[in-house]
């Protein structure tokens, strides 16, 4: 099995995290669906209250962003996926990095 940048995933704990991709997607899709239903309800029941609708849209976008950030993207380039017994600060001992963290890794480390 490979991570999203094509690196082999050797560590079982890291592999298990990547195998949960379906659950991450399902959770995000479920929240989006709930958000749309809430917005439709607000539009039907109080169309003049746009401030409330905008607040709801913003809240659901924040939830989606919060759920997207911690999704596994790449094996940690610093510890190689072993988490350094929990001491790796880059992956917080998880052995993997979310995309936003991986994107900040110097190019020479990504090799």
Protein backbone atom coordinates (compact mmCIF):
# COMPACT_ATOMS: atom_id res chain seq x y z
CA UNK A 1 0.00 0.00 0.00
CA UNK A 2 1.20 3.52 -0.81
CA UNK A 3 0.46 6.95 0.61
CA UNK A 4 -0.92 9.77 -1.54
CA UNK A 5 2.53 10.81 -2.74
CA UNK A 6 3.51 7.27 -3.77
CA UNK A 7 5.66 6.24 -0.81
CA UNK A 8 5.33 2.68 0.44
CA UNK A 9 3.56 2.34 3.80
CA UNK A 10 5.41 -0.23 5.87
CA UNK A 11 4.28 0.52 9.43
CA UNK A 12 1.01 -1.27 10.35
CA UNK A 13 -0.27 1.62 12.49
CA UNK A 14 0.29 4.05 9.62
CA UNK A 15 -1.32 1.63 7.14
CA UNK A 16 -4.37 1.35 9.41
CA UNK A 17 -4.67 5.15 9.47
CA UNK A 18 -4.64 5.25 5.66
CA UNK A 19 -7.20 2.44 5.47
CA UNK A 20 -9.65 4.71 7.28
CA UNK A 21 -9.83 7.00 4.23
CA UNK A 22 -13.38 5.83 3.47
CA UNK A 23 -14.50 6.75 6.99
CA UNK A 24 -12.95 10.23 6.66
CA UNK A 25 -14.74 10.78 3.35
CA UNK A 26 -18.02 9.39 4.67
CA UNK A 27 -17.85 11.66 7.73
CA UNK A 28 -17.15 14.75 5.64
CA UNK A 29 -19.86 13.87 3.11
CA UNK A 30 -22.36 13.26 5.93
CA UNK A 31 -21.60 16.64 7.47
CA UNK A 32 -21.97 18.35 4.08
CA UNK A 33 -25.32 16.61 3.56
CA UNK A 34 -26.51 17.73 7.00
CA UNK A 35 -25.36 21.25 6.26
CA UNK A 36 -27.36 21.37 3.03
CA UNK A 37 -30.45 20.07 4.83
CA UNK A 38 -30.13 22.67 7.57
CA UNK A 39 -29.70 25.44 5.00
CA UNK A 40 -32.76 24.27 3.06
CA UNK A 41 -34.76 24.22 6.30
CA UNK A 42 -33.68 27.77 7.14
CA UNK A 43 -34.50 29.02 3.63
CA UNK A 44 -38.00 27.54 3.80
CA UNK A 45 -38.81 28.64 7.32
CA UNK A 46 -37.24 32.04 7.64
CA UNK A 47 -36.00 33.38 4.31
CA UNK A 48 -35.49 36.89 5.66
CA UNK A 49 -32.93 35.78 8.24
CA UNK A 50 -29.88 35.78 5.95
CA UNK A 51 -27.45 36.45 8.78
CA UNK A 52 -28.42 33.14 10.34
CA UNK A 53 -28.06 31.31 7.02
CA UNK A 54 -24.62 32.83 6.43
CA UNK A 55 -23.55 31.79 9.93
CA UNK A 56 -24.67 28.23 9.22
CA UNK A 57 -22.81 28.13 5.91
CA UNK A 58 -19.65 29.39 7.63
CA UNK A 59 -19.99 26.89 10.48
CA UNK A 60 -20.34 23.92 8.14
CA UNK A 61 -17.36 25.09 6.06
CA UNK A 62 -15.33 25.30 9.25
CA UNK A 63 -16.41 21.77 10.20
CA UNK A 64 -15.41 20.49 6.76
CA UNK A 65 -12.02 22.20 7.00
CA UNK A 66 -11.49 20.84 10.52
CA UNK A 67 -12.24 17.30 9.29
CA UNK A 68 -10.11 17.66 6.15
CA UNK A 69 -6.95 18.85 7.89
CA UNK A 70 -6.11 15.71 9.92
CA UNK A 71 -6.68 13.24 7.08
CA UNK A 72 -3.59 11.05 6.43
CA UNK A 73 -1.70 12.15 3.32
CA UNK A 74 1.95 11.05 3.47
CA UNK A 75 4.24 8.85 5.53
CA UNK A 76 6.27 11.15 7.77
CA UNK A 77 9.45 12.09 5.92
CA UNK A 78 11.31 12.69 9.18
CA UNK A 79 10.72 9.43 11.07
CA UNK A 80 9.87 7.23 8.08
CA UNK A 81 6.57 6.23 9.61
CA UNK A 82 7.72 4.75 12.89
CA UNK A 83 6.70 7.84 14.88
CA UNK A 84 10.01 7.76 16.75
CA UNK A 85 8.17 6.22 19.71
CA UNK A 86 5.93 9.27 19.89
CA UNK A 87 8.80 11.76 19.90
CA UNK A 88 8.58 12.93 16.28
CA UNK A 89 7.35 16.52 16.37
CA UNK A 90 6.59 16.63 12.63
CA UNK A 91 3.97 13.85 12.74
CA UNK A 92 3.23 14.04 16.47
CA UNK A 93 4.21 10.42 16.79
CA UNK A 94 1.59 9.20 14.32
CA UNK A 95 3.99 8.19 11.55
CA UNK A 96 2.03 10.14 8.92
CA UNK A 97 1.37 13.76 7.98
CA UNK A 98 -1.70 15.60 6.75
CA UNK A 99 -1.33 17.35 3.37
CA UNK A 100 -0.91 20.82 4.85
CA UNK A 101 2.02 19.65 6.98
CA UNK A 102 3.59 17.65 4.13
CA UNK A 103 3.33 20.68 1.82
CA UNK A 104 5.57 22.64 4.22
CA UNK A 105 8.34 20.01 4.23
CA UNK A 106 11.46 21.18 2.36
CA UNK A 107 11.66 19.70 -1.15
CA UNK A 108 14.98 17.96 -0.43
CA UNK A 109 13.29 15.97 2.37
CA UNK A 110 10.48 14.76 0.10
CA UNK A 111 12.91 13.05 -2.31
